[in-house]
Amino acid sequence: MAAPRLFRLAPEGAPEVTRPDPGRVLAGDPVHRTWNLEARDGLWCGIWESTPGKWRIAYEEWEYCRILAGVSVIAEDGGAAVTVRTGDSFVIRPGFTGTWEVVETTRKDYVIRL
């Protein structure tokens, strides 16, 4: 059995830098930085960060998140908007569609399961 792997809030190494698909962006020019720390058997975990902006989201997987810094607003299509900030944890379920708006640069840790 492997020993536990320690992850730092400020990960080492270069992140993967991406942007949302331009057709999904509703405001701003959000830039995402992702440090994928573990990926195996349909499970991923790491740290993700985004600069301000708003884009459409559609989830096909489970995702647990904990906001490490910043403020974002997640709104479900036809539902209420939820503001998440430093210290908040939440789960997004498969089939969720809506928008993600980063109000203040947001950093989260995540665990994704297909």
PDB file of N, CA and C in Angstrom:
ATOM      1  N   MET A   1       0.843  -1.171   0.000  1.00  0.00           N
ATOM      2  CA  MET A   1       0.000   0.000   0.000  1.00  0.00           C
ATOM      3  C   MET A   1       0.889   1.235   0.000  1.00  0.00           C
ATOM      4  N   ALA A   2       0.513   2.256  -0.746  1.00  0.00           N
ATOM      5  CA  ALA A   2       1.293   3.488  -0.839  1.00  0.00           C
ATOM      6  C   ALA A   2       1.021   4.389   0.357  1.00  0.00           C
ATOM      7  N   ALA A   3       2.044   5.113   0.752  1.00  0.00           N
ATOM      8  CA  ALA A   3       1.913   6.080   1.847  1.00  0.00           C
ATOM      9  C   ALA A   3       1.057   7.254   1.395  1.00  0.00           C
ATOM     10  N   PRO A   4       0.414   7.961   2.322  1.00  0.00           N
ATOM     11  CA  PRO A   4      -0.363   9.147   1.951  1.00  0.00           C
ATOM     12  C   PRO A   4       0.527  10.165   1.238  1.00  0.00           C
ATOM     13  N   ARG A   5      -0.054  10.853   0.281  1.00  0.00           N
ATOM     14  CA  ARG A   5       0.682  11.867  -0.469  1.00  0.00           C
ATOM     15  C   ARG A   5       0.250  13.244   0.016  1.00  0.00           C
ATOM     16  N   LEU A   6       1.180  14.068   0.416  1.00  0.00           N
ATOM     17  CA  LEU A   6       0.902  15.398   0.942  1.00  0.00           C
ATOM     18  C   LEU A   6       0.797  16.395  -0.201  1.00  0.00           C
ATOM     19  N   PHE A   7      -0.269  17.216  -0.182  1.00  0.00           N
ATOM     20  CA  PHE A   7      -0.469  18.258  -1.180  1.00  0.00           C
ATOM     21  C   PHE A   7      -0.415  19.610  -0.486  1.00  0.00           C
ATOM     22  N   ARG A   8       0.246  20.559  -1.062  1.00  0.00           N
ATOM     23  CA  ARG A   8       0.370  21.909  -0.515  1.00  0.00           C
ATOM     24  C   ARG A   8      -0.673  22.833  -1.165  1.00  0.00           C
ATOM     25  N   LEU A   9      -1.095  23.851  -0.409  1.00  0.00           N
ATOM     26  CA  LEU A   9      -2.040  24.822  -0.965  1.00  0.00           C
ATOM     27  C   LEU A   9      -1.403  25.618  -2.095  1.00  0.00           C
ATOM     28  N   ALA A  10      -0.103  25.774  -2.066  1.00  0.00           N
ATOM     29  CA  ALA A  10       0.635  26.414  -3.152  1.00  0.00           C
ATOM     30  C   ALA A  10       1.456  25.316  -3.820  1.00  0.00           C
ATOM     31  N   PRO A  11       0.875  24.606  -4.784  1.00  0.00           N
ATOM     32  CA  PRO A  11       1.547  23.447  -5.370  1.00  0.00           C
ATOM     33  C   PRO A  11       2.826  23.816  -6.105  1.00  0.00           C
ATOM     34  N   GLU A  12       3.710  22.849  -6.148  1.00  0.00           N
ATOM     35  CA  GLU A  12       4.962  23.021  -6.874  1.00  0.00           C
ATOM     36  C   GLU A  12       4.761  22.651  -8.333  1.00  0.00           C
ATOM     37  N   GLY A  13       5.620  23.157  -9.162  1.00  0.00           N
ATOM     38  CA  GLY A  13       5.577  22.812 -10.581  1.00  0.00           C
ATOM     39  C   GLY A  13       4.671  23.735 -11.372  1.00  0.00           C
ATOM     40  N   ALA A  14       4.814  23.642 -12.659  1.00  0.00           N
ATOM     41  CA  ALA A  14       4.044  24.494 -13.563  1.00  0.00           C
ATOM     42  C   ALA A  14       2.619  23.965 -13.716  1.00  0.00           C
ATOM     43  N   PRO A  15       1.628  24.849 -13.652  1.00  0.00           N
ATOM     44  CA  PRO A  15       0.253  24.409 -13.862  1.00  0.00           C
ATOM     45  C   PRO A  15      -0.055  24.276 -15.343  1.00  0.00           C
ATOM     46  N   GLU A  16      -1.143  23.579 -15.623  1.00  0.00           N
ATOM     47  CA  GLU A  16      -1.715  23.573 -16.968  1.00  0.00           C
ATOM     48  C   GLU A  16      -2.545  24.852 -17.069  1.00  0.00           C
ATOM     49  N   VAL A  17      -2.303  25.668 -18.092  1.00  0.00           N
ATOM     50  CA  VAL A  17      -3.019  26.923 -18.260  1.00  0.00           C
ATOM     51  C   VAL A  17      -4.013  26.765 -19.404  1.00  0.00           C
ATOM     52  N   THR A  18      -5.292  27.047 -19.111  1.00  0.00           N
ATOM     53  CA  THR A  18      -6.356  26.912 -20.112  1.00  0.00           C
ATOM     54  C   THR A  18      -7.338  28.077 -19.978  1.00  0.00           C
ATOM     55  N   ARG A  19      -8.257  28.138 -20.914  1.00  0.00           N
ATOM     56  CA  ARG A  19      -9.375  29.069 -20.859  1.00  0.00           C
ATOM     57  C   ARG A  19     -10.628  28.268 -21.198  1.00  0.00           C
ATOM     58  N   PRO A  20     -11.799  28.743 -20.740  1.00  0.00           N
ATOM     59  CA  PRO A  20     -13.024  28.064 -21.171  1.00  0.00           C
ATOM     60  C   PRO A  20     -13.172  28.186 -22.691  1.00  0.00           C
ATOM     61  N   ASP A  21     -13.897  27.259 -23.274  1.00  0.00           N
ATOM     62  CA  ASP A  21     -14.207  27.341 -24.703  1.00  0.00           C
ATOM     63  C   ASP A  21     -14.808  28.723 -24.980  1.00  0.00           C
ATOM     64  N   PRO A  22     -14.317  29.444 -25.989  1.00  0.00           N
ATOM     65  CA  PRO A  22     -14.817  30.799 -26.263  1.00  0.00           C
ATOM     66  C   PRO A  22     -16.338  30.868 -26.432  1.00  0.00           C
ATOM     67  N   GLY A  23     -16.958  29.810 -26.952  1.00  0.00           N
ATOM     68  CA  GLY A  23     -18.404  29.786 -27.122  1.00  0.00           C
ATOM     69  C   GLY A  23     -19.178  29.708 -25.817  1.00  0.00           C
ATOM     70  N   ARG A  24     -18.488  29.400 -24.711  1.00  0.00           N
ATOM     71  CA  ARG A  24     -19.126  29.311 -23.391  1.00  0.00           C
ATOM     72  C   ARG A  24     -18.920  30.563 -22.541  1.00  0.00           C
ATOM     73  N   VAL A  25     -17.970  31.412 -22.935  1.00  0.00           N
ATOM     74  CA  VAL A  25     -17.649  32.598 -22.136  1.00  0.00           C
ATOM     75  C   VAL A  25     -18.754  33.641 -22.292  1.00  0.00           C
ATOM     76  N   LEU A  26     -19.243  34.121 -21.141  1.00  0.00           N
ATOM     77  CA  LEU A  26     -20.303  35.127 -21.114  1.00  0.00           C
ATOM     78  C   LEU A  26     -19.780  36.500 -20.719  1.00  0.00           C
ATOM     79  N   ALA A  27     -18.667  36.563 -20.000  1.00  0.00           N
ATOM     80  CA  ALA A  27     -18.094  37.837 -19.572  1.00  0.00           C
ATOM     81  C   ALA A  27     -16.626  37.652 -19.233  1.00  0.00           C
ATOM     82  N   GLY A  28     -15.836  38.683 -19.488  1.00  0.00           N
ATOM     83  CA  GLY A  28     -14.429  38.675 -19.115  1.00  0.00           C
ATOM     84  C   GLY A  28     -13.581  37.768 -19.986  1.00  0.00           C
ATOM     85  N   ASP A  29     -12.379  37.508 -19.501  1.00  0.00           N
ATOM     86  CA  ASP A  29     -11.420  36.639 -20.173  1.00  0.00           C
ATOM     87  C   ASP A  29     -10.765  35.756 -19.117  1.00  0.00           C
ATOM     88  N   PRO A  30     -11.562  34.810 -18.549  1.00  0.00           N
ATOM     89  CA  PRO A  30     -11.020  33.988 -17.461  1.00  0.00           C
ATOM     90  C   PRO A  30      -9.879  33.087 -17.927  1.00  0.00           C
ATOM     91  N   VAL A  31      -8.852  33.025 -17.080  1.00  0.00           N
ATOM     92  CA  VAL A  31      -7.712  32.147 -17.324  1.00  0.00           C
ATOM     93  C   VAL A  31      -7.666  31.147 -16.178  1.00  0.00           C
ATOM     94  N   HIS A  32      -7.602  29.867 -16.517  1.00  0.00           N
ATOM     95  CA  HIS A  32      -7.571  28.798 -15.513  1.00  0.00           C
ATOM     96  C   HIS A  32      -6.155  28.252 -15.391  1.00  0.00           C
ATOM     97  N   ARG A  33      -5.771  27.975 -14.148  1.00  0.00           N
ATOM     98  CA  ARG A  33      -4.511  27.276 -13.871  1.00  0.00           C
ATOM     99  C   ARG A  33      -4.870  26.043 -13.064  1.00  0.00           C
ATOM    100  N   THR A  34      -4.416  24.884 -13.528  1.00  0.00           N
ATOM    101  CA  THR A  34      -4.752  23.615 -12.879  1.00  0.00           C
ATOM    102  C   THR A  34      -3.487  22.823 -12.587  1.00  0.00           C
ATOM    103  N   TRP A  35      -3.421  22.367 -11.341  1.00  0.00           N
ATOM    104  CA  TRP A  35      -2.358  21.456 -10.931  1.00  0.00           C
ATOM    105  C   TRP A  35      -3.036  20.113 -10.665  1.00  0.00           C
ATOM    106  N   ASN A  36      -2.992  19.189 -11.626  1.00  0.00           N
ATOM    107  CA  ASN A  36      -3.550  17.853 -11.431  1.00  0.00           C
ATOM    108  C   ASN A  36      -2.547  17.061 -10.597  1.00  0.00           C
ATOM    109  N   LEU A  37      -2.938  16.750  -9.378  1.00  0.00           N
ATOM    110  CA  LEU A  37      -2.016  16.130  -8.440  1.00  0.00           C
ATOM    111  C   LEU A  37      -2.102  14.609  -8.420  1.00  0.00           C
ATOM    112  N   GLU A  38      -3.249  14.081  -8.827  1.00  0.00           N
ATOM    113  CA  GLU A  38      -3.438  12.625  -8.858  1.00  0.00           C
ATOM    114  C   GLU A  38      -4.515  12.319  -9.880  1.00  0.00           C
ATOM    115  N   ALA A  39      -4.290  11.308 -10.676  1.00  0.00           N
ATOM    116  CA  ALA A  39      -5.279  10.888 -11.671  1.00  0.00           C
ATOM    117  C   ALA A  39      -5.140   9.392 -11.883  1.00  0.00           C
ATOM    118  N   ARG A  40      -6.208   8.651 -11.521  1.00  0.00           N
ATOM    119  CA  ARG A  40      -6.194   7.203 -11.756  1.00  0.00           C
ATOM    120  C   ARG A  40      -7.581   6.630 -11.524  1.00  0.00           C
ATOM    121  N   ASP A  41      -7.891   5.606 -12.276  1.00  0.00           N
ATOM    122  CA  ASP A  41      -9.113   4.821 -12.089  1.00  0.00           C
ATOM    123  C   ASP A  41     -10.372   5.691 -12.023  1.00  0.00           C
ATOM    124  N   GLY A  42     -10.470   6.703 -12.902  1.00  0.00           N
ATOM    125  CA  GLY A  42     -11.672   7.542 -12.937  1.00  0.00           C
ATOM    126  C   GLY A  42     -11.771   8.545 -11.811  1.00  0.00           C
ATOM    127  N   LEU A  43     -10.658   8.794 -11.122  1.00  0.00           N
ATOM    128  CA  LEU A  43     -10.646   9.744 -10.013  1.00  0.00           C
ATOM    129  C   LEU A  43      -9.503  10.728 -10.236  1.00  0.00           C
ATOM    130  N   TRP A  44      -9.797  12.028 -10.096  1.00  0.00           N
ATOM    131  CA  TRP A  44      -8.797  13.069 -10.251  1.00  0.00           C
ATOM    132  C   TRP A  44      -8.876  13.991  -9.052  1.00  0.00           C
ATOM    133  N   CYS A  45      -7.725  14.515  -8.646  1.00  0.00           N
ATOM    134  CA  CYS A  45      -7.736  15.540  -7.606  1.00  0.00           C
ATOM    135  C   CYS A  45      -6.612  16.513  -7.886  1.00  0.00           C
ATOM    136  N   GLY A  46      -6.794  17.717  -7.381  1.00  0.00           N
ATOM    137  CA  GLY A  46      -5.784  18.735  -7.586  1.00  0.00           C
ATOM    138  C   GLY A  46      -6.254  20.082  -7.103  1.00  0.00           C
ATOM    139  N   ILE A  47      -5.598  21.087  -7.637  1.00  0.00           N
ATOM    140  CA  ILE A  47      -5.921  22.469  -7.305  1.00  0.00           C
ATOM    141  C   ILE A  47      -6.170  23.216  -8.611  1.00  0.00           C
ATOM    142  N   TRP A  48      -7.230  24.026  -8.591  1.00  0.00           N
ATOM    143  CA  TRP A  48      -7.656  24.800  -9.759  1.00  0.00           C
ATOM    144  C   TRP A  48      -7.800  26.247  -9.341  1.00  0.00           C
ATOM    145  N   GLU A  49      -7.435  27.137 -10.242  1.00  0.00           N
ATOM    146  CA  GLU A  49      -7.563  28.568  -9.973  1.00  0.00           C
ATOM    147  C   GLU A  49      -8.047  29.261 -11.238  1.00  0.00           C
ATOM    148  N   SER A  50      -8.876  30.293 -11.073  1.00  0.00           N
ATOM    149  CA  SER A  50      -9.350  31.055 -12.220  1.00  0.00           C
ATOM    150  C   SER A  50      -9.362  32.538 -11.902  1.00  0.00           C
ATOM    151  N   THR A  51      -9.026  33.333 -12.917  1.00  0.00           N
ATOM    152  CA  THR A  51      -9.174  34.774 -12.825  1.00  0.00           C
ATOM    153  C   THR A  51     -10.635  35.129 -13.124  1.00  0.00           C
ATOM    154  N   PRO A  52     -11.059  36.369 -12.834  1.00  0.00           N
ATOM    155  CA  PRO A  52     -12.462  36.748 -13.010  1.00  0.00           C
ATOM    156  C   PRO A  52     -12.987  36.550 -14.431  1.00  0.00           C
ATOM    157  N   GLY A  53     -14.267  36.217 -14.487  1.00  0.00           N
ATOM    158  CA  GLY A  53     -15.000  36.017 -15.722  1.00  0.00           C
ATOM    159  C   GLY A  53     -16.212  35.149 -15.444  1.00  0.00           C
ATOM    160  N   LYS A  54     -17.014  34.920 -16.467  1.00  0.00           N
ATOM    161  CA  LYS A  54     -18.230  34.102 -16.331  1.00  0.00           C
ATOM    162  C   LYS A  54     -18.367  33.232 -17.561  1.00  0.00           C
ATOM    163  N   TRP A  55     -18.717  31.947 -17.361  1.00  0.00           N
ATOM    164  CA  TRP A  55     -18.861  31.012 -18.473  1.00  0.00           C
ATOM    165  C   TRP A  55     -19.905  29.960 -18.131  1.00  0.00           C
ATOM    166  N   ARG A  56     -20.396  29.310 -19.161  1.00  0.00           N
ATOM    167  CA  ARG A  56     -21.376  28.225 -19.015  1.00  0.00           C
ATOM    168  C   ARG A  56     -20.652  26.955 -18.597  1.00  0.00           C
ATOM    169  N   ILE A  57     -21.308  26.163 -17.735  1.00  0.00           N
ATOM    170  CA  ILE A  57     -20.752  24.880 -17.295  1.00  0.00           C
ATOM    171  C   ILE A  57     -21.785  23.781 -17.486  1.00  0.00           C
ATOM    172  N   ALA A  58     -21.299  22.583 -17.724  1.00  0.00           N
ATOM    173  CA  ALA A  58     -22.141  21.384 -17.840  1.00  0.00           C
ATOM    174  C   ALA A  58     -21.317  20.217 -17.300  1.00  0.00           C
ATOM    175  N   TYR A  59     -21.795  19.613 -16.218  1.00  0.00           N
ATOM    176  CA  TYR A  59     -21.054  18.548 -15.546  1.00  0.00           C
ATOM    177  C   TYR A  59     -21.584  17.174 -15.948  1.00  0.00           C
ATOM    178  N   GLU A  60     -20.665  16.266 -16.274  1.00  0.00           N
ATOM    179  CA  GLU A  60     -20.990  14.867 -16.533  1.00  0.00           C
ATOM    180  C   GLU A  60     -20.409  13.980 -15.427  1.00  0.00           C
ATOM    181  N   GLU A  61     -19.737  14.586 -14.465  1.00  0.00           N
ATOM    182  CA  GLU A  61     -19.052  13.861 -13.407  1.00  0.00           C
ATOM    183  C   GLU A  61     -19.437  14.444 -12.045  1.00  0.00           C
ATOM    184  N   TRP A  62     -19.047  13.741 -10.982  1.00  0.00           N
ATOM    185  CA  TRP A  62     -19.177  14.236  -9.615  1.00  0.00           C
ATOM    186  C   TRP A  62     -17.954  15.083  -9.324  1.00  0.00           C
ATOM    187  N   GLU A  63     -18.146  16.192  -8.624  1.00  0.00           N
ATOM    188  CA  GLU A  63     -16.991  16.980  -8.187  1.00  0.00           C
ATOM    189  C   GLU A  63     -17.223  17.528  -6.784  1.00  0.00           C
ATOM    190  N   TYR A  64     -16.276  17.234  -5.904  1.00  0.00           N
ATOM    191  CA  TYR A  64     -16.233  17.841  -4.574  1.00  0.00           C
ATOM    192  C   TYR A  64     -15.221  18.967  -4.648  1.00  0.00           C
ATOM    193  N   CYS A  65     -15.578  20.139  -4.116  1.00  0.00           N
ATOM    194  CA  CYS A  65     -14.689  21.296  -4.125  1.00  0.00           C
ATOM    195  C   CYS A  65     -14.634  21.935  -2.751  1.00  0.00           C
ATOM    196  N   ARG A  66     -13.484  22.541  -2.452  1.00  0.00           N
ATOM    197  CA  ARG A  66     -13.350  23.392  -1.270  1.00  0.00           C
ATOM    198  C   ARG A  66     -12.656  24.660  -1.741  1.00  0.00           C
ATOM    199  N   ILE A  67     -13.281  25.798  -1.480  1.00  0.00           N
ATOM    200  CA  ILE A  67     -12.724  27.067  -1.906  1.00  0.00           C
ATOM    201  C   ILE A  67     -11.594  27.453  -0.950  1.00  0.00           C
ATOM    202  N   LEU A  68     -10.408  27.619  -1.501  1.00  0.00           N
ATOM    203  CA  LEU A  68      -9.231  27.971  -0.723  1.00  0.00           C
ATOM    204  C   LEU A  68      -9.033  29.478  -0.655  1.00  0.00           C
ATOM    205  N   ALA A  69      -9.499  30.184  -1.686  1.00  0.00           N
ATOM    206  CA  ALA A  69      -9.371  31.640  -1.736  1.00  0.00           C
ATOM    207  C   ALA A  69     -10.329  32.172  -2.800  1.00  0.00           C
ATOM    208  N   GLY A  70     -10.816  33.392  -2.591  1.00  0.00           N
ATOM    209  CA  GLY A  70     -11.620  34.056  -3.599  1.00  0.00           C
ATOM    210  C   GLY A  70     -13.114  33.923  -3.404  1.00  0.00           C
ATOM    211  N   VAL A  71     -13.835  34.453  -4.400  1.00  0.00           N
ATOM    212  CA  VAL A  71     -15.298  34.451  -4.391  1.00  0.00           C
ATOM    213  C   VAL A  71     -15.784  34.106  -5.797  1.00  0.00           C
ATOM    214  N   SER A  72     -16.728  33.161  -5.881  1.00  0.00           N
ATOM    215  CA  SER A  72     -17.371  32.791  -7.136  1.00  0.00           C
ATOM    216  C   SER A  72     -18.874  32.662  -6.914  1.00  0.00           C
ATOM    217  N   VAL A  73     -19.622  32.768  -7.996  1.00  0.00           N
ATOM    218  CA  VAL A  73     -21.071  32.570  -7.964  1.00  0.00           C
ATOM    219  C   VAL A  73     -21.390  31.453  -8.950  1.00  0.00           C
ATOM    220  N   ILE A  74     -22.048  30.403  -8.457  1.00  0.00           N
ATOM    221  CA  ILE A  74     -22.446  29.266  -9.287  1.00  0.00           C
ATOM    222  C   ILE A  74     -23.960  29.300  -9.382  1.00  0.00           C
ATOM    223  N   ALA A  75     -24.473  29.334 -10.603  1.00  0.00           N
ATOM    224  CA  ALA A  75     -25.920  29.425 -10.804  1.00  0.00           C
ATOM    225  C   ALA A  75     -26.394  28.266 -11.661  1.00  0.00           C
ATOM    226  N   GLU A  76     -27.384  27.545 -11.176  1.00  0.00           N
ATOM    227  CA  GLU A  76     -27.975  26.443 -11.923  1.00  0.00           C
ATOM    228  C   GLU A  76     -29.011  26.995 -12.892  1.00  0.00           C
ATOM    229  N   ASP A  77     -29.056  26.446 -14.100  1.00  0.00           N
ATOM    230  CA  ASP A  77     -30.089  26.855 -15.053  1.00  0.00           C
ATOM    231  C   ASP A  77     -31.457  26.689 -14.404  1.00  0.00           C
ATOM    232  N   GLY A  78     -32.243  27.758 -14.384  1.00  0.00           N
ATOM    233  CA  GLY A  78     -33.579  27.696 -13.809  1.00  0.00           C
ATOM    234  C   GLY A  78     -33.612  27.645 -12.302  1.00  0.00           C
ATOM    235  N   GLY A  79     -32.475  27.834 -11.648  1.00  0.00           N
ATOM    236  CA  GLY A  79     -32.413  27.742 -10.187  1.00  0.00           C
ATOM    237  C   GLY A  79     -31.739  28.944  -9.575  1.00  0.00           C
ATOM    238  N   ALA A  80     -31.503  28.863  -8.310  1.00  0.00           N
ATOM    239  CA  ALA A  80     -30.892  29.960  -7.569  1.00  0.00           C
ATOM    240  C   ALA A  80     -29.379  29.983  -7.763  1.00  0.00           C
ATOM    241  N   ALA A  81     -28.808  31.160  -7.579  1.00  0.00           N
ATOM    242  CA  ALA A  81     -27.356  31.319  -7.603  1.00  0.00           C
ATOM    243  C   ALA A  81     -26.824  31.122  -6.183  1.00  0.00           C
ATOM    244  N   VAL A  82     -25.645  30.525  -6.076  1.00  0.00           N
ATOM    245  CA  VAL A  82     -24.999  30.292  -4.782  1.00  0.00           C
ATOM    246  C   VAL A  82     -23.628  30.957  -4.828  1.00  0.00           C
ATOM    247  N   THR A  83     -23.350  31.797  -3.847  1.00  0.00           N
ATOM    248  CA  THR A  83     -22.036  32.424  -3.731  1.00  0.00           C
ATOM    249  C   THR A  83     -21.167  31.538  -2.845  1.00  0.00           C
ATOM    250  N   VAL A  84     -19.977  31.211  -3.349  1.00  0.00           N
ATOM    251  CA  VAL A  84     -19.027  30.403  -2.591  1.00  0.00           C
ATOM    252  C   VAL A  84     -17.777  31.233  -2.369  1.00  0.00           C
ATOM    253  N   ARG A  85     -17.227  31.089  -1.160  1.00  0.00           N
ATOM    254  CA  ARG A  85     -16.036  31.871  -0.798  1.00  0.00           C
ATOM    255  C   ARG A  85     -15.117  31.028   0.061  1.00  0.00           C
ATOM    256  N   THR A  86     -13.979  31.590   0.400  1.00  0.00           N
ATOM    257  CA  THR A  86     -12.955  30.897   1.174  1.00  0.00           C
ATOM    258  C   THR A  86     -13.567  30.093   2.319  1.00  0.00           C
ATOM    259  N   GLY A  87     -13.240  28.796   2.350  1.00  0.00           N
ATOM    260  CA  GLY A  87     -13.707  27.900   3.409  1.00  0.00           C
ATOM    261  C   GLY A  87     -14.944  27.103   3.052  1.00  0.00           C
ATOM    262  N   ASP A  88     -15.677  27.492   2.005  1.00  0.00           N
ATOM    263  CA  ASP A  88     -16.884  26.755   1.610  1.00  0.00           C
ATOM    264  C   ASP A  88     -16.520  25.474   0.879  1.00  0.00           C
ATOM    265  N   SER A  89     -17.296  24.422   1.132  1.00  0.00           N
ATOM    266  CA  SER A  89     -17.161  23.136   0.438  1.00  0.00           C
ATOM    267  C   SER A  89     -18.500  22.791  -0.173  1.00  0.00           C
ATOM    268  N   PHE A  90     -18.490  22.090  -1.312  1.00  0.00           N
ATOM    269  CA  PHE A  90     -19.737  21.723  -1.969  1.00  0.00           C
ATOM    270  C   PHE A  90     -19.495  20.590  -2.948  1.00  0.00           C
ATOM    271  N   VAL A  91     -20.587  19.992  -3.393  1.00  0.00           N
ATOM    272  CA  VAL A  91     -20.552  18.923  -4.386  1.00  0.00           C
ATOM    273  C   VAL A  91     -21.392  19.354  -5.575  1.00  0.00           C
ATOM    274  N   ILE A  92     -20.867  19.145  -6.771  1.00  0.00           N
ATOM    275  CA  ILE A  92     -21.638  19.335  -8.004  1.00  0.00           C
ATOM    276  C   ILE A  92     -21.860  17.948  -8.582  1.00  0.00           C
ATOM    277  N   ARG A  93     -23.121  17.655  -8.905  1.00  0.00           N
ATOM    278  CA  ARG A  93     -23.498  16.316  -9.386  1.00  0.00           C
ATOM    279  C   ARG A  93     -23.561  16.257 -10.916  1.00  0.00           C
ATOM    280  N   PRO A  94     -23.433  15.061 -11.470  1.00  0.00           N
ATOM    281  CA  PRO A  94     -23.582  14.907 -12.917  1.00  0.00           C
ATOM    282  C   PRO A  94     -24.943  15.437 -13.359  1.00  0.00           C
ATOM    283  N   GLY A  95     -24.953  16.088 -14.520  1.00  0.00           N
ATOM    284  CA  GLY A  95     -26.190  16.643 -15.063  1.00  0.00           C
ATOM    285  C   GLY A  95     -26.398  18.108 -14.727  1.00  0.00           C
ATOM    286  N   PHE A  96     -25.541  18.664 -13.845  1.00  0.00           N
ATOM    287  CA  PHE A  96     -25.669  20.071 -13.479  1.00  0.00           C
ATOM    288  C   PHE A  96     -25.285  20.949 -14.657  1.00  0.00           C
ATOM    289  N   THR A  97     -26.133  21.906 -15.001  1.00  0.00           N
ATOM    290  CA  THR A  97     -25.813  22.896 -16.027  1.00  0.00           C
ATOM    291  C   THR A  97     -26.115  24.284 -15.485  1.00  0.00           C
ATOM    292  N   GLY A  98     -25.339  25.240 -15.906  1.00  0.00           N
ATOM    293  CA  GLY A  98     -25.546  26.600 -15.442  1.00  0.00           C
ATOM    294  C   GLY A  98     -24.350  27.463 -15.783  1.00  0.00           C
ATOM    295  N   THR A  99     -23.992  28.366 -14.841  1.00  0.00           N
ATOM    296  CA  THR A  99     -22.865  29.262 -15.053  1.00  0.00           C
ATOM    297  C   THR A  99     -21.959  29.277 -13.831  1.00  0.00           C
ATOM    298  N   TRP A 100     -20.705  29.565 -14.080  1.00  0.00           N
ATOM    299  CA  TRP A 100     -19.724  29.791 -13.021  1.00  0.00           C
ATOM    300  C   TRP A 100     -19.173  31.187 -13.270  1.00  0.00           C
ATOM    301  N   GLU A 101     -19.283  32.053 -12.267  1.00  0.00           N
ATOM    302  CA  GLU A 101     -18.741  33.399 -12.357  1.00  0.00           C
ATOM    303  C   GLU A 101     -17.699  33.592 -11.261  1.00  0.00           C
ATOM    304  N   VAL A 102     -16.490  33.897 -11.668  1.00  0.00           N
ATOM    305  CA  VAL A 102     -15.438  34.218 -10.711  1.00  0.00           C
ATOM    306  C   VAL A 102     -15.475  35.722 -10.497  1.00  0.00           C
ATOM    307  N   VAL A 103     -15.814  36.121  -9.281  1.00  0.00           N
ATOM    308  CA  VAL A 103     -15.903  37.530  -8.922  1.00  0.00           C
ATOM    309  C   VAL A 103     -14.531  38.026  -8.473  1.00  0.00           C
ATOM    310  N   GLU A 104     -13.869  37.247  -7.615  1.00  0.00           N
ATOM    311  CA  GLU A 104     -12.489  37.491  -7.191  1.00  0.00           C
ATOM    312  C   GLU A 104     -11.715  36.223  -7.507  1.00  0.00           C
ATOM    313  N   THR A 105     -10.503  36.361  -8.037  1.00  0.00           N
ATOM    314  CA  THR A 105      -9.719  35.180  -8.404  1.00  0.00           C
ATOM    315  C   THR A 105      -9.943  34.091  -7.362  1.00  0.00           C
ATOM    316  N   THR A 106     -10.346  32.923  -7.855  1.00  0.00           N
ATOM    317  CA  THR A 106     -10.753  31.815  -6.993  1.00  0.00           C
ATOM    318  C   THR A 106      -9.801  30.646  -7.149  1.00  0.00           C
ATOM    319  N   ARG A 107      -9.415  30.066  -6.010  1.00  0.00           N
ATOM    320  CA  ARG A 107      -8.606  28.848  -5.988  1.00  0.00           C
ATOM    321  C   ARG A 107      -9.379  27.810  -5.192  1.00  0.00           C
ATOM    322  N   LYS A 108      -9.455  26.606  -5.724  1.00  0.00           N
ATOM    323  CA  LYS A 108     -10.154  25.514  -5.022  1.00  0.00           C
ATOM    324  C   LYS A 108      -9.317  24.260  -5.108  1.00  0.00           C
ATOM    325  N   ASP A 109      -9.517  23.363  -4.143  1.00  0.00           N
ATOM    326  CA  ASP A 109      -9.036  22.013  -4.350  1.00  0.00           C
ATOM    327  C   ASP A 109     -10.249  21.182  -4.746  1.00  0.00           C
ATOM    328  N   TYR A 110     -10.006  20.107  -5.441  1.00  0.00           N
ATOM    329  CA  TYR A 110     -11.128  19.331  -5.999  1.00  0.00           C
ATOM    330  C   TYR A 110     -10.805  17.857  -6.025  1.00  0.00           C
ATOM    331  N   VAL A 111     -11.881  17.074  -6.030  1.00  0.00           N
ATOM    332  CA  VAL A 111     -11.830  15.653  -6.294  1.00  0.00           C
ATOM    333  C   VAL A 111     -12.947  15.381  -7.289  1.00  0.00           C
ATOM    334  N   ILE A 112     -12.605  14.792  -8.421  1.00  0.00           N
ATOM    335  CA  ILE A 112     -13.558  14.490  -9.484  1.00  0.00           C
ATOM    336  C   ILE A 112     -13.644  12.986  -9.648  1.00  0.00           C
ATOM    337  N   ARG A 113     -14.882  12.476  -9.775  1.00  0.00           N
ATOM    338  CA  ARG A 113     -15.102  11.061 -10.029  1.00  0.00           C
ATOM    339  C   ARG A 113     -16.063  10.915 -11.185  1.00  0.00           C
ATOM    340  N   LEU A 114     -15.675  10.102 -12.150  1.00  0.00           N
ATOM    341  CA  LEU A 114     -16.577   9.825 -13.284  1.00  0.00           C
ATOM    342  C   LEU A 114     -17.670   8.905 -12.873  1.00  0.00           C
TER     343      LEU A 114
END
